[in-house]
N, C-alpha and C. Protein backbone atom coordinates (compact mmCIF):
# COMPACT_ATOMS: atom_id res chain seq x y z
N MET A 1 -13.93 58.82 19.12
CA MET A 1 -14.21 58.06 17.92
C MET A 1 -14.05 58.92 16.67
N MET A 2 -14.55 60.15 16.67
CA MET A 2 -14.49 61.03 15.49
C MET A 2 -13.06 61.44 15.17
N ASP A 3 -12.18 61.40 16.15
CA ASP A 3 -10.79 61.80 15.91
C ASP A 3 -10.04 60.78 15.08
N TRP A 4 -10.48 59.53 15.08
CA TRP A 4 -9.78 58.46 14.37
C TRP A 4 -10.21 58.33 12.92
N ILE A 5 -11.37 58.85 12.56
CA ILE A 5 -11.88 58.70 11.19
C ILE A 5 -10.94 59.31 10.15
N PRO A 6 -10.48 60.56 10.31
CA PRO A 6 -9.55 61.10 9.31
C PRO A 6 -8.24 60.31 9.23
N ILE A 7 -7.76 59.84 10.35
CA ILE A 7 -6.50 59.08 10.36
C ILE A 7 -6.68 57.77 9.59
N VAL A 8 -7.79 57.09 9.82
CA VAL A 8 -8.05 55.81 9.13
C VAL A 8 -8.24 56.06 7.63
N PHE A 9 -9.02 57.08 7.28
CA PHE A 9 -9.28 57.35 5.86
C PHE A 9 -8.01 57.79 5.13
N VAL A 10 -7.22 58.65 5.73
CA VAL A 10 -5.98 59.11 5.09
C VAL A 10 -5.01 57.95 4.94
N THR A 11 -4.90 57.10 5.96
CA THR A 11 -4.02 55.93 5.87
C THR A 11 -4.48 55.00 4.75
N PHE A 12 -5.79 54.75 4.67
CA PHE A 12 -6.32 53.89 3.62
C PHE A 12 -6.05 54.50 2.24
N LYS A 13 -6.25 55.80 2.12
CA LYS A 13 -6.03 56.48 0.84
C LYS A 13 -4.56 56.38 0.43
N VAL A 14 -3.65 56.59 1.35
CA VAL A 14 -2.22 56.49 1.04
C VAL A 14 -1.86 55.07 0.62
N LEU A 15 -2.39 54.07 1.30
CA LEU A 15 -2.10 52.68 0.93
C LEU A 15 -2.64 52.35 -0.46
N VAL A 16 -3.87 52.76 -0.75
CA VAL A 16 -4.47 52.44 -2.04
C VAL A 16 -3.73 53.17 -3.17
N LEU A 17 -3.47 54.46 -2.99
CA LEU A 17 -2.76 55.21 -4.04
C LEU A 17 -1.32 54.72 -4.20
N GLY A 18 -0.66 54.38 -3.10
CA GLY A 18 0.70 53.86 -3.18
C GLY A 18 0.76 52.54 -3.93
N THR A 19 -0.20 51.65 -3.65
CA THR A 19 -0.26 50.37 -4.36
C THR A 19 -0.54 50.59 -5.84
N GLY A 20 -1.49 51.48 -6.13
CA GLY A 20 -1.80 51.78 -7.54
C GLY A 20 -0.60 52.36 -8.28
N MET A 21 0.13 53.27 -7.64
CA MET A 21 1.31 53.85 -8.29
C MET A 21 2.38 52.79 -8.52
N PHE A 22 2.56 51.89 -7.54
CA PHE A 22 3.56 50.83 -7.70
C PHE A 22 3.24 49.97 -8.91
N PHE A 23 1.99 49.53 -9.03
CA PHE A 23 1.64 48.67 -10.15
C PHE A 23 1.64 49.42 -11.48
N ALA A 24 1.31 50.71 -11.47
CA ALA A 24 1.37 51.50 -12.70
C ALA A 24 2.81 51.64 -13.19
N ILE A 25 3.72 51.93 -12.27
CA ILE A 25 5.14 52.06 -12.64
C ILE A 25 5.68 50.71 -13.11
N LYS A 26 5.32 49.63 -12.42
CA LYS A 26 5.77 48.30 -12.81
C LYS A 26 5.26 47.94 -14.20
N TRP A 27 3.99 48.24 -14.48
CA TRP A 27 3.41 47.92 -15.79
C TRP A 27 4.13 48.70 -16.89
N HIS A 28 4.38 49.99 -16.67
CA HIS A 28 5.07 50.78 -17.69
C HIS A 28 6.51 50.30 -17.88
N TYR A 29 7.15 49.91 -16.80
CA TYR A 29 8.50 49.39 -16.91
C TYR A 29 8.52 48.09 -17.70
N ASP A 30 7.56 47.21 -17.45
CA ASP A 30 7.48 45.94 -18.18
C ASP A 30 7.14 46.16 -19.65
N GLN A 31 6.33 47.18 -19.95
CA GLN A 31 5.99 47.47 -21.34
C GLN A 31 7.22 47.95 -22.10
N GLY A 32 8.11 48.67 -21.43
CA GLY A 32 9.32 49.16 -22.07
C GLY A 32 10.30 48.06 -22.43
N LYS A 33 10.17 46.90 -21.80
CA LYS A 33 11.10 45.80 -22.04
C LYS A 33 10.66 44.88 -23.17
N LYS A 34 9.51 45.17 -23.78
CA LYS A 34 9.03 44.29 -24.85
C LYS A 34 10.00 44.30 -26.03
N GLU A 35 9.81 43.35 -26.89
CA GLU A 35 10.74 43.16 -28.00
C GLU A 35 10.69 44.30 -29.01
N GLU A 36 11.76 44.43 -29.75
CA GLU A 36 11.85 45.47 -30.78
C GLU A 36 10.91 45.21 -31.95
N GLU A 37 10.54 43.97 -32.15
CA GLU A 37 9.66 43.64 -33.27
C GLU A 37 8.32 44.35 -33.16
N GLU A 38 7.82 44.47 -31.95
CA GLU A 38 6.54 45.15 -31.77
C GLU A 38 6.66 46.63 -32.13
N LYS A 39 7.76 47.23 -31.75
CA LYS A 39 7.97 48.64 -32.07
C LYS A 39 8.08 48.83 -33.59
N ARG A 40 8.80 47.92 -34.23
CA ARG A 40 8.94 48.01 -35.68
C ARG A 40 7.59 47.83 -36.38
N ALA A 41 6.79 46.90 -35.88
CA ALA A 41 5.47 46.67 -36.48
C ALA A 41 4.58 47.90 -36.31
N VAL A 42 4.64 48.53 -35.16
CA VAL A 42 3.84 49.73 -34.93
C VAL A 42 4.32 50.86 -35.83
N LEU A 43 5.62 51.03 -35.94
CA LEU A 43 6.16 52.09 -36.81
C LEU A 43 5.80 51.82 -38.27
N ARG A 44 5.88 50.57 -38.68
CA ARG A 44 5.53 50.22 -40.06
C ARG A 44 4.06 50.50 -40.32
N ALA A 45 3.19 50.12 -39.41
CA ALA A 45 1.76 50.38 -39.57
C ALA A 45 1.48 51.88 -39.57
N GLY A 46 2.15 52.62 -38.72
CA GLY A 46 1.98 54.07 -38.70
C GLY A 46 2.44 54.71 -40.00
N GLY A 47 3.52 54.20 -40.55
CA GLY A 47 4.00 54.71 -41.84
C GLY A 47 3.03 54.43 -42.96
N LYS A 48 2.44 53.24 -42.94
CA LYS A 48 1.45 52.91 -43.97
C LYS A 48 0.23 53.81 -43.86
N VAL A 49 -0.23 54.05 -42.64
CA VAL A 49 -1.39 54.93 -42.44
C VAL A 49 -1.07 56.34 -42.92
N ALA A 50 0.13 56.83 -42.61
CA ALA A 50 0.52 58.17 -43.04
C ALA A 50 0.60 58.25 -44.56
N ALA A 51 1.14 57.21 -45.20
CA ALA A 51 1.24 57.20 -46.65
C ALA A 51 -0.14 57.18 -47.30
N VAL A 52 -1.04 56.37 -46.78
CA VAL A 52 -2.40 56.33 -47.32
C VAL A 52 -3.08 57.68 -47.14
N TYR A 53 -2.87 58.30 -46.00
CA TYR A 53 -3.46 59.61 -45.74
C TYR A 53 -2.95 60.66 -46.74
N VAL A 54 -1.65 60.70 -46.95
CA VAL A 54 -1.07 61.68 -47.86
C VAL A 54 -1.55 61.43 -49.29
N LEU A 55 -1.57 60.16 -49.71
CA LEU A 55 -2.03 59.85 -51.07
C LEU A 55 -3.50 60.20 -51.26
N SER A 56 -4.33 59.91 -50.26
CA SER A 56 -5.75 60.26 -50.39
C SER A 56 -5.95 61.77 -50.37
N LEU A 57 -5.13 62.49 -49.62
CA LEU A 57 -5.20 63.95 -49.61
C LEU A 57 -4.81 64.52 -50.97
N LEU A 58 -3.76 63.99 -51.57
CA LEU A 58 -3.36 64.44 -52.90
C LEU A 58 -4.44 64.12 -53.93
N GLY A 59 -5.04 62.92 -53.82
CA GLY A 59 -6.12 62.57 -54.73
C GLY A 59 -7.32 63.50 -54.58
N LEU A 60 -7.65 63.86 -53.36
CA LEU A 60 -8.76 64.77 -53.12
C LEU A 60 -8.48 66.15 -53.71
N VAL A 61 -7.25 66.63 -53.56
CA VAL A 61 -6.89 67.93 -54.14
C VAL A 61 -6.99 67.87 -55.66
N LEU A 62 -6.51 66.78 -56.25
CA LEU A 62 -6.57 66.64 -57.71
C LEU A 62 -8.02 66.59 -58.20
N VAL A 63 -8.86 65.81 -57.53
CA VAL A 63 -10.27 65.73 -57.92
C VAL A 63 -10.94 67.09 -57.75
N THR A 64 -10.60 67.81 -56.71
CA THR A 64 -11.18 69.13 -56.49
C THR A 64 -10.82 70.09 -57.62
N PHE A 65 -9.55 70.10 -58.01
CA PHE A 65 -9.14 71.00 -59.09
C PHE A 65 -9.77 70.60 -60.43
N VAL A 66 -9.86 69.31 -60.69
CA VAL A 66 -10.47 68.86 -61.95
C VAL A 66 -11.95 69.24 -61.97
N LEU A 67 -12.65 69.02 -60.88
CA LEU A 67 -14.06 69.37 -60.81
C LEU A 67 -14.26 70.88 -60.92
N ALA A 68 -13.38 71.65 -60.30
CA ALA A 68 -13.50 73.11 -60.39
C ALA A 68 -13.27 73.58 -61.82
N ARG A 69 -12.32 72.96 -62.52
CA ARG A 69 -12.08 73.33 -63.94
C ARG A 69 -13.29 72.98 -64.80
N MET A 70 -13.89 71.80 -64.52
CA MET A 70 -15.05 71.39 -65.31
C MET A 70 -16.23 72.34 -65.09
N LEU A 71 -16.35 72.90 -63.92
CA LEU A 71 -17.43 73.81 -63.63
C LEU A 71 -17.14 75.24 -64.05
N GLY A 72 -15.91 75.47 -64.52
CA GLY A 72 -15.55 76.79 -65.02
C GLY A 72 -15.13 77.78 -63.95
N LEU A 73 -14.71 77.29 -62.81
CA LEU A 73 -14.27 78.18 -61.74
C LEU A 73 -12.86 78.67 -62.03
N ASP A 74 -12.58 79.91 -61.66
CA ASP A 74 -11.25 80.50 -61.86
C ASP A 74 -10.41 80.20 -60.62
N LEU A 75 -9.35 79.42 -60.79
CA LEU A 75 -8.51 79.01 -59.68
C LEU A 75 -7.14 79.68 -59.67
N THR A 76 -6.97 80.73 -60.45
CA THR A 76 -5.68 81.40 -60.52
C THR A 76 -5.49 82.28 -59.29
N PHE A 77 -4.24 82.38 -58.86
CA PHE A 77 -3.92 83.25 -57.73
C PHE A 77 -3.89 84.70 -58.23
N PRO A 78 -4.26 85.65 -57.38
CA PRO A 78 -4.27 87.07 -57.81
C PRO A 78 -2.87 87.61 -58.00
């Protein structure tokens, strides 16, 4: 009886992992076939987020320099 336990467990593990890999590959393959519009929308949204990030970063740098000047800090490079 004890000799069959590893065989049953290994067989079950191979079946479960094989089924999971099959469905994972199938899902990724199906995702790759989606329309180009979704990709364009994602790229457009990513571009907007990047633009907002860069503009807010520039605004933060500008506010920092203005505040430092108002406080009388020396910001010149040596």
